[in-house]
Amino acid sequence: MNPKIIVLDDDPTGSQTVHSCLLLTRWDVATLKTALADAAPLFFVLTNTRGMDAARAAAVTREVCVNLEAALADCAVPVLFVSRSDSTLRGHYPVETDVMNEVLGPFDATLLTPAFFEGGRVTRDGTHYLIVDGKLVPTHATEFARDSVFGYTTSHLPDYVAEKTAGRVAAADVARLTLADLRTGHADAWLAALENNDVGAVDGESPDDYRIFAEAVLKAAATGKRLLFRSAASLLTALAKLPAQPVAAEAFASLVHDGRPGAVIVGSHVAKTTAQLTQLLKKRGVIGLPLDVARLPAGRAAVVDELAASIAHAHAQGLTPVIFTSRTELQFASTAERLAFGEAVSDTLMDVVKRLPSTLGFLISKGGITSNDVLSTGLELPASRVLGQILPGVTVVQTPPDHRLPRLPVVIFPGNVGGDGALAEAWRRLTGAAAAAKLAA
């Protein structure tokens, strides 16, 4: 019997390589039991902890784990636990895996599997890379490593572990599964040797590498090996063994009622998002509506009123409003102040989402934390089901028929995924090829 894969996702983008599974924004015991009984081989609990400070992230993770322990008390199905986080190594590591080990453990090992092939992230010789213009760039040499909350100085995973654990785990003590060992059939023996919550780092350059590794993991789990993963999205595809996506990427336009225009919400500030936003705003049929973050938090009510009126007017004209936060990232005296202001910005965007027109055709949410808030707060969805991907690494879910915005296709678009034209391409696919051709710039 294959295990049920339970994913604690620190933003909602971990489902970007799978389909047909549930995304939970609530984690009471009853909701967790429903997900455990669901036919899909995995489900996601959207904790949104990447938008929190470490203490709050630990508290939320603990609450989820305690409830999971209760939900699993009478569950006969074996399980695998995954702490899903960013493929560019940002996130509360080891805070979240420490809590999971304390409450749900003990585990034989915690394994780092950060490769995300669909987004051009690979791990070779223990070092994690981002593929940029066909070249391997160590992630510590990218903007992601300079994140003011989750920054780091090395992308060599053993050294990264030592840095993030403040030396509690020495680099020399991190077990490595190299590409050579993986491809020559040594994964089984490597996993068997792990014990007492060893920390391991796994190479991977292609989906086939993770397929081989996943087969070894499932065999090890069947013999009682208890493994915890700190992972990006690609490993989940291999572990879940899902069939082909049921909805073709070009077919999502069929879910848009009567070809109605949609809306786009952009919260992410990374350079990739700004480049994508620039390309989208060049399209005919799109109108940009900036949210001036300098007016927050004091001017929140007025900002929401103005944006809601502008959105309604644009929608009535058959246009797609693109609501985006001003692109200049403000400076703050502390991480706590930055996170608090980020919450104020997100709260404002969610007030806007709550006032979107009831005849909206689709919604695209750009940015991981923004997308989590769209699902949990803006749309108030306790759970949603993944339909598949409209672009590589870009997930689509749909609201239920009894929702205020019934059967609305919602695109969860990570901030750091896709080329410069990707956001415009997602809009084109939802608008429909024929309609988009008439509107093309």
Protein backbone atom coordinates (compact mmCIF):
# COMPACT_ATOMS: atom_id res chain seq x y z
CA MET A 1 0.00 0.00 0.00
CA ASN A 2 1.45 3.36 -1.04
CA PRO A 3 1.54 5.93 1.77
CA LYS A 4 -0.60 9.02 1.99
CA ILE A 5 1.69 12.02 1.46
CA ILE A 6 0.95 14.87 3.88
CA VAL A 7 2.49 18.17 2.88
CA LEU A 8 2.81 21.16 5.19
CA ASP A 9 3.27 23.95 2.66
CA ASP A 10 4.65 27.30 3.76
CA ASP A 11 2.82 28.98 0.86
CA PRO A 12 0.31 27.52 -1.61
CA THR A 13 2.64 26.91 -4.53
CA GLY A 14 3.85 23.43 -3.60
CA SER A 15 1.02 21.91 -5.63
CA GLN A 16 2.60 23.27 -8.80
CA THR A 17 3.55 19.84 -10.17
CA VAL A 18 0.51 17.74 -9.16
CA HIS A 19 -3.25 17.63 -9.68
CA SER A 20 -6.56 16.32 -8.29
CA CYS A 21 -5.53 16.79 -4.64
CA LEU A 22 -6.91 18.99 -1.87
CA LEU A 23 -5.41 22.23 -0.60
CA LEU A 24 -6.49 22.92 2.99
CA THR A 25 -6.46 26.39 4.51
CA ARG A 26 -7.88 25.00 7.78
CA TRP A 27 -6.40 22.19 9.83
CA ASP A 28 -8.91 21.19 12.49
CA VAL A 29 -9.00 17.46 13.15
CA ALA A 30 -12.24 16.90 11.23
CA THR A 31 -10.91 18.64 8.10
CA LEU A 32 -7.68 16.66 8.29
CA LYS A 33 -9.61 13.39 8.59
CA THR A 34 -11.60 14.31 5.49
CA ALA A 35 -8.37 14.87 3.58
CA LEU A 36 -6.90 11.60 4.85
CA ALA A 37 -9.96 9.78 3.49
CA ASP A 38 -9.78 11.54 0.11
CA ALA A 39 -8.90 9.38 -2.90
CA ALA A 40 -5.90 11.49 -3.96
CA PRO A 41 -2.50 10.15 -2.83
CA LEU A 42 -1.53 13.45 -1.22
CA PHE A 43 -2.92 16.64 0.27
CA PHE A 44 -1.52 20.00 1.28
CA VAL A 45 -2.00 21.98 4.47
CA LEU A 46 -1.35 25.63 3.58
CA THR A 47 0.31 27.06 6.69
CA ASN A 48 1.56 30.26 5.00
CA THR A 49 4.44 30.32 7.48
CA ARG A 50 6.84 31.95 5.02
CA GLY A 51 4.95 35.17 5.72
CA MET A 52 5.47 34.86 9.50
CA ASP A 53 8.31 35.32 11.94
CA ALA A 54 10.05 32.20 13.25
CA ALA A 55 8.16 32.03 16.54
CA ARG A 56 4.77 32.26 14.89
CA ALA A 57 5.82 29.79 12.18
CA ALA A 58 6.80 27.31 14.87
CA ALA A 59 3.51 27.79 16.71
CA VAL A 60 1.40 27.27 13.58
CA THR A 61 3.44 24.22 12.55
CA ARG A 62 3.00 22.76 16.04
CA GLU A 63 -0.77 23.31 15.93
CA VAL A 64 -1.00 21.51 12.58
CA CYS A 65 1.17 18.63 13.80
CA VAL A 66 -0.78 18.15 17.04
CA ASN A 67 -4.02 18.02 15.07
CA LEU A 68 -2.45 15.64 12.55
CA GLU A 69 -1.38 13.34 15.36
CA ALA A 70 -4.99 13.23 16.57
CA ALA A 71 -6.40 12.74 13.05
CA LEU A 72 -3.98 9.89 12.41
CA ALA A 73 -4.78 8.05 15.64
CA ASP A 74 -7.27 5.71 13.95
CA CYS A 75 -5.81 5.87 10.44
CA ALA A 76 -4.56 2.56 9.06
CA VAL A 77 -2.86 4.09 6.02
CA PRO A 78 0.93 4.63 6.18
CA VAL A 79 2.02 8.25 5.77
CA LEU A 80 4.97 10.31 4.55
CA PHE A 81 5.50 13.84 5.86
CA VAL A 82 6.85 16.70 3.76
CA SER A 83 7.78 20.20 4.84
CA ARG A 84 7.38 21.92 1.47
CA SER A 85 9.21 25.18 0.96
CA ASP A 86 10.87 27.38 -1.61
CA SER A 87 13.06 25.90 -4.35
CA THR A 88 15.50 28.78 -3.88
CA LEU A 89 16.13 27.76 -0.23
CA ARG A 90 14.09 30.50 1.46
CA GLY A 91 11.93 29.60 4.44
CA HIS A 92 11.94 28.73 8.14
CA TYR A 93 14.48 25.91 8.10
CA PRO A 94 15.14 24.19 10.49
CA VAL A 95 12.32 25.69 12.59
CA GLU A 96 9.52 23.79 10.87
CA THR A 97 11.28 20.45 10.53
CA ASP A 98 12.38 20.64 14.18
CA VAL A 99 8.76 21.00 15.29
CA MET A 100 7.60 18.22 12.97
CA ASN A 101 10.26 15.91 14.35
CA GLU A 102 9.33 16.77 17.93
CA VAL A 103 5.59 16.18 17.49
CA LEU A 104 5.37 13.61 14.69
CA GLY A 105 8.76 11.92 15.06
CA PRO A 106 11.14 10.51 15.78
CA PHE A 107 12.33 10.19 12.19
CA ASP A 108 15.26 8.23 10.87
CA ALA A 109 16.27 11.19 8.73
CA THR A 110 15.35 14.66 7.50
CA LEU A 111 16.19 14.91 3.81
CA LEU A 112 16.66 18.07 1.74
CA THR A 113 15.29 17.69 -1.79
CA PRO A 114 15.05 21.27 -3.13
CA ALA A 115 15.15 20.59 -6.89
CA PHE A 116 12.25 21.99 -8.89
CA PHE A 117 12.89 20.93 -12.48
CA GLU A 118 9.86 22.70 -13.95
CA GLY A 119 11.22 26.00 -12.63
CA GLY A 120 14.85 25.40 -13.55
CA ARG A 121 16.25 24.50 -10.11
CA VAL A 122 18.63 21.55 -9.90
CA THR A 123 21.08 20.09 -7.37
CA ARG A 124 24.49 18.82 -8.48
CA ASP A 125 27.41 17.72 -6.30
CA GLY A 126 25.53 18.93 -3.24
CA THR A 127 25.12 22.47 -4.58
CA HIS A 128 21.75 23.94 -5.51
CA TYR A 129 21.48 25.90 -8.75
CA LEU A 130 19.07 28.11 -10.65
CA ILE A 131 19.23 27.79 -14.44
CA VAL A 132 19.40 31.30 -15.92
CA ASP A 133 19.63 31.67 -19.70
CA GLY A 134 20.82 28.09 -19.93
CA LYS A 135 23.59 28.53 -17.34
CA LEU A 136 23.85 27.10 -13.83
CA VAL A 137 23.93 29.87 -11.23
CA PRO A 138 24.39 28.88 -7.54
CA THR A 139 21.32 30.12 -5.71
CA HIS A 140 23.46 32.00 -3.18
CA ALA A 141 24.50 34.23 -6.10
CA THR A 142 20.88 35.20 -6.89
CA GLU A 143 18.52 37.81 -5.46
CA PHE A 144 16.76 35.08 -3.46
CA ALA A 145 19.77 34.59 -1.18
CA ARG A 146 19.65 38.30 -0.31
CA ASP A 147 16.11 38.01 1.08
CA SER A 148 15.95 40.23 4.16
CA VAL A 149 14.19 37.51 6.18
CA PHE A 150 15.59 34.26 4.77
CA GLY A 151 18.98 35.22 3.37
CA TYR A 152 21.90 32.79 3.25
CA THR A 153 25.52 32.79 2.09
CA THR A 154 26.02 29.32 0.56
CA SER A 155 24.05 27.04 -1.72
CA HIS A 156 26.21 23.99 -0.99
CA LEU A 157 23.59 22.08 0.97
CA PRO A 158 25.81 20.64 3.75
CA ASP A 159 27.18 24.13 4.41
CA TYR A 160 23.67 25.58 4.13
CA VAL A 161 22.48 23.16 6.81
CA ALA A 162 25.39 24.13 9.08
CA GLU A 163 24.64 27.82 8.52
CA LYS A 164 20.92 27.54 9.15
CA THR A 165 21.30 25.30 12.22
CA ALA A 166 24.02 27.62 13.61
CA GLY A 167 26.43 24.70 13.72
CA ARG A 168 24.12 22.28 15.51
CA VAL A 169 24.49 20.05 12.45
CA ALA A 170 28.02 20.19 11.03
CA ALA A 171 28.45 20.20 7.28
CA ALA A 172 30.58 17.06 7.53
CA ASP A 173 27.69 15.23 9.21
CA VAL A 174 25.22 15.83 6.35
CA ALA A 175 24.83 12.62 4.36
CA ARG A 176 24.89 13.15 0.60
CA LEU A 177 23.23 11.10 -2.11
CA THR A 178 25.11 12.07 -5.26
CA LEU A 179 23.90 11.77 -8.82
CA ALA A 180 26.42 8.99 -9.45
CA ASP A 181 25.22 6.95 -6.47
CA LEU A 182 21.57 7.63 -7.31
CA ARG A 183 21.94 6.58 -10.93
CA THR A 184 23.90 3.43 -10.14
CA GLY A 185 21.30 2.01 -7.78
CA HIS A 186 22.72 2.95 -4.38
CA ALA A 187 19.70 4.90 -3.06
CA ASP A 188 18.28 1.88 -1.21
CA ALA A 189 21.46 1.26 0.77
CA TRP A 190 21.93 4.98 1.41
CA LEU A 191 18.45 5.30 2.90
CA ALA A 192 18.85 2.11 4.96
CA ALA A 193 21.94 3.51 6.67
CA LEU A 194 20.19 6.64 7.93
CA GLU A 195 19.12 6.71 11.59
CA ASN A 196 18.57 8.95 14.62
CA ASN A 197 17.26 11.84 12.48
CA ASP A 198 20.32 12.12 10.29
CA VAL A 199 20.26 15.05 7.88
CA GLY A 200 20.71 14.22 4.22
CA ALA A 201 20.96 16.14 0.93
CA VAL A 202 19.84 14.58 -2.34
CA ASP A 203 21.10 15.54 -5.80
CA GLY A 204 18.72 15.76 -8.75
CA GLU A 205 19.01 17.15 -12.27
CA SER A 206 15.95 15.63 -13.95
CA PRO A 207 12.54 14.18 -13.12
CA ASP A 208 14.02 10.75 -13.76
CA ASP A 209 16.52 11.27 -10.91
CA TYR A 210 13.70 11.94 -8.48
CA ARG A 211 11.69 9.05 -9.92
CA ILE A 212 14.55 6.70 -9.02
CA PHE A 213 14.85 8.27 -5.58
CA ALA A 214 11.09 8.14 -4.95
CA GLU A 215 11.00 4.42 -5.74
CA ALA A 216 13.69 3.87 -3.11
CA VAL A 217 11.82 6.04 -0.61
CA LEU A 218 8.55 4.16 -1.07
CA LYS A 219 10.33 0.83 -0.61
CA ALA A 220 12.07 2.10 2.51
CA ALA A 221 8.80 3.46 3.93
CA ALA A 222 7.13 0.10 3.33
CA THR A 223 9.73 -1.51 5.58
CA GLY A 224 9.09 0.97 8.38
CA LYS A 225 11.70 3.62 7.60
CA ARG A 226 10.47 6.99 8.88
CA LEU A 227 11.60 9.86 6.67
CA LEU A 228 10.84 13.57 6.79
CA PHE A 229 11.44 15.77 3.75
CA ARG A 230 12.29 19.44 3.42
CA SER A 231 11.40 19.69 -0.22
CA ALA A 232 10.42 21.75 -3.21
CA ALA A 233 7.60 20.58 -5.47
CA SER A 234 9.20 18.12 -7.91
CA LEU A 235 9.72 15.27 -5.44
CA LEU A 236 5.98 15.25 -4.75
CA THR A 237 5.27 14.37 -8.38
CA ALA A 238 7.54 11.35 -8.17
CA LEU A 239 6.20 10.18 -4.80
CA ALA A 240 2.52 10.55 -5.74
CA LYS A 241 2.74 8.69 -9.08
CA LEU A 242 -0.20 10.62 -10.50
CA PRO A 243 -1.39 9.97 -14.08
CA ALA A 244 -1.30 12.72 -16.70
CA GLN A 245 -3.01 15.99 -15.87
CA PRO A 246 -6.74 15.69 -16.65
CA VAL A 247 -7.09 19.28 -17.98
CA ALA A 248 -4.87 20.33 -20.89
CA ALA A 249 -3.09 23.64 -20.32
CA GLU A 250 -4.82 25.24 -23.32
CA ALA A 251 -8.25 23.99 -22.17
CA PHE A 252 -8.58 26.13 -19.05
CA ALA A 253 -10.34 28.85 -21.07
CA SER A 254 -13.32 26.47 -21.28
CA LEU A 255 -13.80 26.95 -17.53
CA VAL A 256 -14.27 30.71 -17.93
CA HIS A 257 -18.00 31.40 -18.00
CA ASP A 258 -19.11 33.02 -21.27
CA GLY A 259 -15.59 34.25 -21.95
CA ARG A 260 -15.88 36.91 -19.28
CA PRO A 261 -12.85 39.04 -18.39
CA GLY A 262 -11.00 38.21 -15.22
CA ALA A 263 -8.71 39.99 -12.79
CA VAL A 264 -5.05 39.71 -11.81
CA ILE A 265 -3.68 40.35 -8.30
CA VAL A 266 0.08 40.90 -8.05
CA GLY A 267 1.74 41.02 -4.63
CA SER A 268 5.20 39.54 -5.26
CA HIS A 269 8.11 42.00 -5.46
CA VAL A 270 10.84 39.81 -6.94
CA ALA A 271 12.45 41.04 -10.15
CA LYS A 272 10.95 38.16 -12.18
CA THR A 273 7.44 39.23 -11.19
CA THR A 274 8.10 42.85 -12.10
CA ALA A 275 9.36 41.81 -15.54
CA GLN A 276 6.28 39.64 -16.08
CA LEU A 277 3.96 42.40 -14.91
CA THR A 278 5.58 44.83 -17.36
CA GLN A 279 4.87 42.46 -20.26
CA LEU A 280 1.27 41.85 -19.19
CA LEU A 281 0.49 45.56 -18.92
CA LYS A 282 1.47 46.02 -22.57
CA LYS A 283 -1.45 43.87 -23.72
CA ARG A 284 -4.63 45.39 -25.08
CA GLY A 285 -7.60 44.41 -22.98
CA VAL A 286 -5.61 44.85 -19.75
CA ILE A 287 -5.61 47.87 -17.46
CA GLY A 288 -3.14 48.41 -14.62
CA LEU A 289 -4.42 49.56 -11.22
CA PRO A 290 -1.52 50.25 -8.84
CA LEU A 291 -1.92 49.99 -5.07
CA ASP A 292 0.27 52.69 -3.53
CA VAL A 293 1.69 50.94 -0.46
CA ALA A 294 2.95 54.27 0.88
CA ARG A 295 -0.68 55.08 1.75
CA LEU A 296 -0.86 52.11 4.12
CA PRO A 297 -1.90 51.30 6.73
CA ALA A 298 -3.60 54.63 7.49
CA GLY A 299 -5.30 54.98 4.10
CA ARG A 300 -6.42 51.37 3.76
CA ALA A 301 -10.18 52.00 3.59
CA ALA A 302 -9.86 54.72 0.97
CA VAL A 303 -7.44 52.63 -1.10
CA VAL A 304 -9.84 49.68 -1.11
CA ASP A 305 -12.82 51.86 -2.07
CA GLU A 306 -10.92 53.43 -4.96
CA LEU A 307 -9.62 50.13 -6.29
CA ALA A 308 -12.99 48.39 -5.99
CA ALA A 309 -14.65 51.18 -8.00
CA SER A 310 -11.92 51.07 -10.66
CA ILE A 311 -12.16 47.29 -10.93
CA ALA A 312 -15.93 47.40 -11.35
CA HIS A 313 -15.60 50.04 -14.07
CA ALA A 314 -12.91 48.11 -15.93
CA HIS A 315 -14.89 44.87 -15.71
CA ALA A 316 -18.00 46.56 -17.08
CA GLN A 317 -15.90 47.70 -20.05
CA GLY A 318 -14.77 44.14 -20.76
CA LEU A 319 -11.22 44.76 -19.54
CA THR A 320 -9.02 42.70 -17.22
CA PRO A 321 -7.92 44.86 -14.25
CA VAL A 322 -4.42 44.11 -12.97
CA ILE A 323 -4.09 45.19 -9.35
CA PHE A 324 -0.44 45.42 -8.33
CA THR A 325 1.47 46.76 -5.37
CA SER A 326 3.85 49.62 -6.11
CA ARG A 327 7.14 48.11 -7.21
CA THR A 328 9.52 49.98 -4.90
CA GLU A 329 10.14 47.82 -1.84
CA LEU A 330 10.19 49.94 1.30
CA GLN A 331 12.98 49.70 3.86
CA PHE A 332 12.29 48.80 7.49
CA ALA A 333 14.26 48.95 10.70
CA SER A 334 13.66 45.30 11.53
CA THR A 335 12.41 42.04 10.10
CA ALA A 336 9.39 42.22 12.40
CA GLU A 337 8.41 45.60 10.97
CA ARG A 338 8.80 44.32 7.41
CA LEU A 339 6.61 41.28 8.09
CA ALA A 340 3.97 43.41 9.84
CA PHE A 341 3.82 45.84 6.93
CA GLY A 342 3.62 42.93 4.50
CA GLU A 343 0.56 41.70 6.38
CA ALA A 344 -1.01 45.18 6.12
CA VAL A 345 -0.46 45.18 2.36
CA SER A 346 -1.90 41.66 2.04
CA ASP A 347 -4.91 42.57 4.19
CA THR A 348 -5.61 45.48 1.84
CA LEU A 349 -5.38 43.26 -1.23
CA MET A 350 -7.71 40.73 0.38
CA ASP A 351 -10.29 43.46 1.05
CA VAL A 352 -10.10 44.16 -2.68
CA VAL A 353 -10.55 40.46 -3.53
CA LYS A 354 -13.65 40.30 -1.33
CA ARG A 355 -15.19 43.06 -3.47
CA LEU A 356 -14.41 41.60 -6.89
CA PRO A 357 -17.40 41.58 -9.28
CA SER A 358 -19.63 38.53 -9.00
CA THR A 359 -19.49 38.05 -12.78
CA LEU A 360 -15.69 37.68 -12.84
CA GLY A 361 -14.44 35.12 -15.36
CA PHE A 362 -11.15 34.11 -13.72
CA LEU A 363 -8.61 35.24 -11.16
CA ILE A 364 -4.82 35.12 -11.36
CA SER A 365 -2.89 35.57 -8.11
CA LYS A 366 0.82 36.31 -8.48
CA GLY A 367 3.05 35.55 -5.49
CA GLY A 368 3.03 32.69 -3.00
CA ILE A 369 2.00 34.50 0.17
CA THR A 370 -0.49 36.58 -1.82
CA SER A 371 -2.02 33.43 -3.29
CA ASN A 372 -2.36 31.79 0.13
CA ASP A 373 -4.23 34.83 1.40
CA VAL A 374 -6.41 34.90 -1.72
CA LEU A 375 -7.55 31.32 -1.06
CA SER A 376 -7.90 31.49 2.72
CA THR A 377 -9.02 35.09 3.31
CA GLY A 378 -10.02 36.77 0.06
CA LEU A 379 -12.08 33.85 -1.24
CA GLU A 380 -12.61 32.26 2.20
CA LEU A 381 -12.07 28.71 0.93
CA PRO A 382 -11.47 26.12 3.68
CA ALA A 383 -10.37 23.71 0.93
CA SER A 384 -9.97 23.65 -2.82
CA ARG A 385 -9.01 21.01 -5.35
CA VAL A 386 -6.10 21.32 -7.76
CA LEU A 387 -7.14 20.94 -11.41
CA GLY A 388 -3.61 21.01 -12.78
CA GLN A 389 -1.13 23.48 -14.28
CA ILE A 390 -1.82 26.15 -16.89
CA LEU A 391 1.94 26.64 -17.32
CA PRO A 392 4.84 24.62 -15.88
CA GLY A 393 4.83 25.24 -12.13
CA VAL A 394 1.63 27.35 -12.22
CA THR A 395 -1.41 25.72 -10.59
CA VAL A 396 -5.13 26.20 -11.23
CA VAL A 397 -7.84 25.51 -8.64
CA GLN A 398 -11.57 26.15 -8.88
CA THR A 399 -14.07 27.53 -6.39
CA PRO A 400 -17.07 25.32 -5.48
CA PRO A 401 -20.48 25.83 -7.14
CA ASP A 402 -22.01 27.40 -4.00
CA HIS A 403 -19.31 30.08 -3.67
CA ARG A 404 -19.96 33.82 -4.12
CA LEU A 405 -17.82 33.47 -7.25
CA PRO A 406 -19.01 30.00 -8.34
CA ARG A 407 -16.71 27.65 -10.27
CA LEU A 408 -14.17 30.41 -10.68
CA PRO A 409 -10.79 29.27 -12.10
CA VAL A 410 -8.08 30.62 -9.78
CA VAL A 411 -4.45 30.60 -10.90
CA ILE A 412 -1.80 30.27 -8.19
CA PHE A 413 1.27 31.80 -9.79
CA PRO A 414 4.52 31.74 -7.76
CA GLY A 415 6.54 34.93 -7.77
CA ASN A 416 9.76 33.29 -8.94
CA VAL A 417 8.45 31.04 -11.75
CA GLY A 418 8.33 31.59 -15.51
CA GLY A 419 9.97 33.77 -18.13
CA ASP A 420 9.17 37.40 -18.77
CA GLY A 421 6.10 36.54 -20.87
CA ALA A 422 4.65 33.87 -18.56
CA LEU A 423 2.07 36.01 -16.76
CA ALA A 424 0.79 37.36 -20.08
CA GLU A 425 0.64 33.81 -21.45
CA ALA A 426 -1.47 32.61 -18.51
CA TRP A 427 -3.83 35.54 -19.13
CA ARG A 428 -3.95 34.68 -22.85
CA ARG A 429 -4.82 31.06 -22.15
CA LEU A 430 -7.66 31.98 -19.81
CA THR A 431 -8.95 34.68 -22.10
CA GLY A 432 -8.99 32.14 -24.92
CA ALA A 433 -6.73 32.09 -27.94
CA ALA A 434 -9.32 33.55 -30.31
CA ALA A 435 -10.36 36.38 -28.00
CA ALA A 436 -6.77 37.14 -27.07
CA ALA A 437 -5.82 37.38 -30.74
CA LYS A 438 -8.36 40.16 -31.22
CA LEU A 439 -6.94 42.01 -28.23
CA ALA A 440 -3.27 41.36 -28.93
CA ALA A 441 -0.98 44.33 -28.90
